[in-house]
Amino acid sequence: MSNAIYIIGQIEVKDYKTYFSQYALKLKEVLKKYQGEALAGSTKAEVLEGEGFGNWMVLIKFPSRALADECMNSAEYIHLSALRKKLSTGGNVFLIPA
């Protein structure tokens, strides 16, 4: 049984160019520090049932809940999270155990 943890983010990005240059590239460095990996990110997520949200969907994997928690509570990520919220009009972030 895997201890992996997945994080799914649904975000309404205001300006992709700024979002990627100021947030996403820096997030990649923080994820690496905590063994996280962005598995997929797309503007073309397809809703199969229910209602979708936003114009950007991302799937991130961590090898454990402990590493995901360390990352999400790190000073680096807290700063980036605040920046992400400024660069978007809202979003949902889900944590899913494997």
Protein backbone atom coordinates (compact mmCIF):
# COMPACT_ATOMS: atom_id res chain seq x y z
CA MET A 1 0.00 0.00 0.00
CA SER A 2 1.35 3.40 -0.98
CA ASN A 3 1.76 6.24 1.51
CA ALA A 4 1.70 8.75 -1.32
CA ILE A 5 -0.39 11.89 -1.05
CA TYR A 6 -1.85 13.79 -3.99
CA ILE A 7 -2.81 17.43 -4.05
CA ILE A 8 -5.25 18.70 -6.65
CA GLY A 9 -5.64 22.40 -7.21
CA GLN A 10 -8.42 24.10 -9.18
CA ILE A 11 -7.53 27.74 -9.69
CA GLU A 12 -8.94 30.72 -11.58
CA VAL A 13 -5.74 32.39 -12.80
CA LYS A 14 -5.97 36.10 -13.69
CA ASP A 15 -2.82 36.37 -15.83
CA TYR A 16 -0.98 33.22 -16.89
CA LYS A 17 2.30 34.95 -17.77
CA THR A 18 2.63 36.49 -14.30
CA TYR A 19 1.30 33.36 -12.57
CA PHE A 20 3.90 31.12 -14.16
CA SER A 21 6.85 33.48 -13.85
CA GLN A 22 6.20 34.58 -10.26
CA TYR A 23 4.50 31.54 -8.76
CA ALA A 24 4.74 28.28 -10.70
CA LEU A 25 8.49 28.34 -11.41
CA LYS A 26 9.23 29.06 -7.75
CA LEU A 27 6.77 26.41 -6.62
CA LYS A 28 8.67 23.82 -8.64
CA GLU A 29 11.81 24.55 -6.56
CA VAL A 30 9.89 24.28 -3.27
CA LEU A 31 8.25 21.00 -4.32
CA LYS A 32 11.64 19.52 -5.18
CA LYS A 33 12.94 20.36 -1.68
CA TYR A 34 10.11 18.29 -0.15
CA GLN A 35 10.22 15.50 -2.78
CA GLY A 36 7.00 16.74 -4.35
CA GLU A 37 6.36 16.37 -8.05
CA ALA A 38 3.90 18.18 -10.30
CA LEU A 39 2.47 15.30 -12.32
CA ALA A 40 0.09 17.35 -14.48
CA GLY A 41 -1.09 20.88 -14.99
CA SER A 42 -3.47 22.08 -17.66
CA THR A 43 -5.92 24.68 -18.83
CA LYS A 44 -7.77 21.86 -20.62
CA ALA A 45 -9.04 19.71 -17.75
CA GLU A 46 -12.29 18.08 -18.82
CA VAL A 47 -15.19 17.89 -16.37
CA LEU A 48 -16.78 14.46 -16.60
CA GLU A 49 -19.43 14.97 -13.91
CA GLY A 50 -20.57 17.91 -11.82
CA GLU A 51 -19.30 21.45 -12.19
CA GLY A 52 -15.68 22.36 -12.70
CA PHE A 53 -14.01 25.46 -11.34
CA GLY A 54 -11.31 27.73 -12.64
CA ASN A 55 -9.10 27.81 -15.70
CA TRP A 56 -6.09 25.89 -14.32
CA MET A 57 -5.91 22.43 -12.77
CA VAL A 58 -2.80 20.89 -11.22
CA LEU A 59 -1.97 17.46 -9.76
CA ILE A 60 0.97 17.17 -7.34
CA LYS A 61 2.34 14.02 -5.69
CA PHE A 62 4.31 13.68 -2.45
CA PRO A 63 5.76 10.38 -1.20
CA SER A 64 4.17 10.88 2.24
CA ARG A 65 1.72 13.00 4.20
CA ALA A 66 4.57 14.20 6.42
CA LEU A 67 6.46 15.65 3.44
CA ALA A 68 3.29 17.22 2.03
CA ASP A 69 2.57 18.83 5.40
CA GLU A 70 6.16 20.05 5.74
CA CYS A 71 5.96 21.63 2.30
CA MET A 72 2.53 23.22 2.79
CA ASN A 73 3.57 24.65 6.18
CA SER A 74 7.04 25.82 5.11
CA ALA A 75 7.87 29.53 5.06
CA GLU A 76 8.66 29.24 1.35
CA TYR A 77 5.26 27.80 0.50
CA ILE A 78 3.28 30.09 2.79
CA HIS A 79 4.81 33.04 0.90
CA LEU A 80 3.99 31.43 -2.45
CA SER A 81 0.46 30.56 -1.34
CA ALA A 82 -0.21 34.20 -0.52
CA LEU A 83 1.19 35.17 -3.93
CA ARG A 84 -0.98 32.55 -5.67
CA LYS A 85 -4.05 34.01 -4.00
CA LYS A 86 -3.14 37.49 -5.29
CA LEU A 87 -2.65 36.14 -8.81
CA SER A 88 -5.99 34.33 -8.90
CA THR A 89 -9.62 35.05 -8.22
CA GLY A 90 -10.00 31.94 -6.09
CA GLY A 91 -9.42 28.27 -6.01
CA ASN A 92 -9.84 24.94 -4.32
CA VAL A 93 -7.02 22.72 -3.08
CA PHE A 94 -7.67 19.08 -2.20
CA LEU A 95 -5.45 16.55 -0.42
CA ILE A 96 -6.06 12.92 -1.37
CA PRO A 97 -4.29 9.92 0.19
CA ALA A 98 -3.29 7.22 -2.29
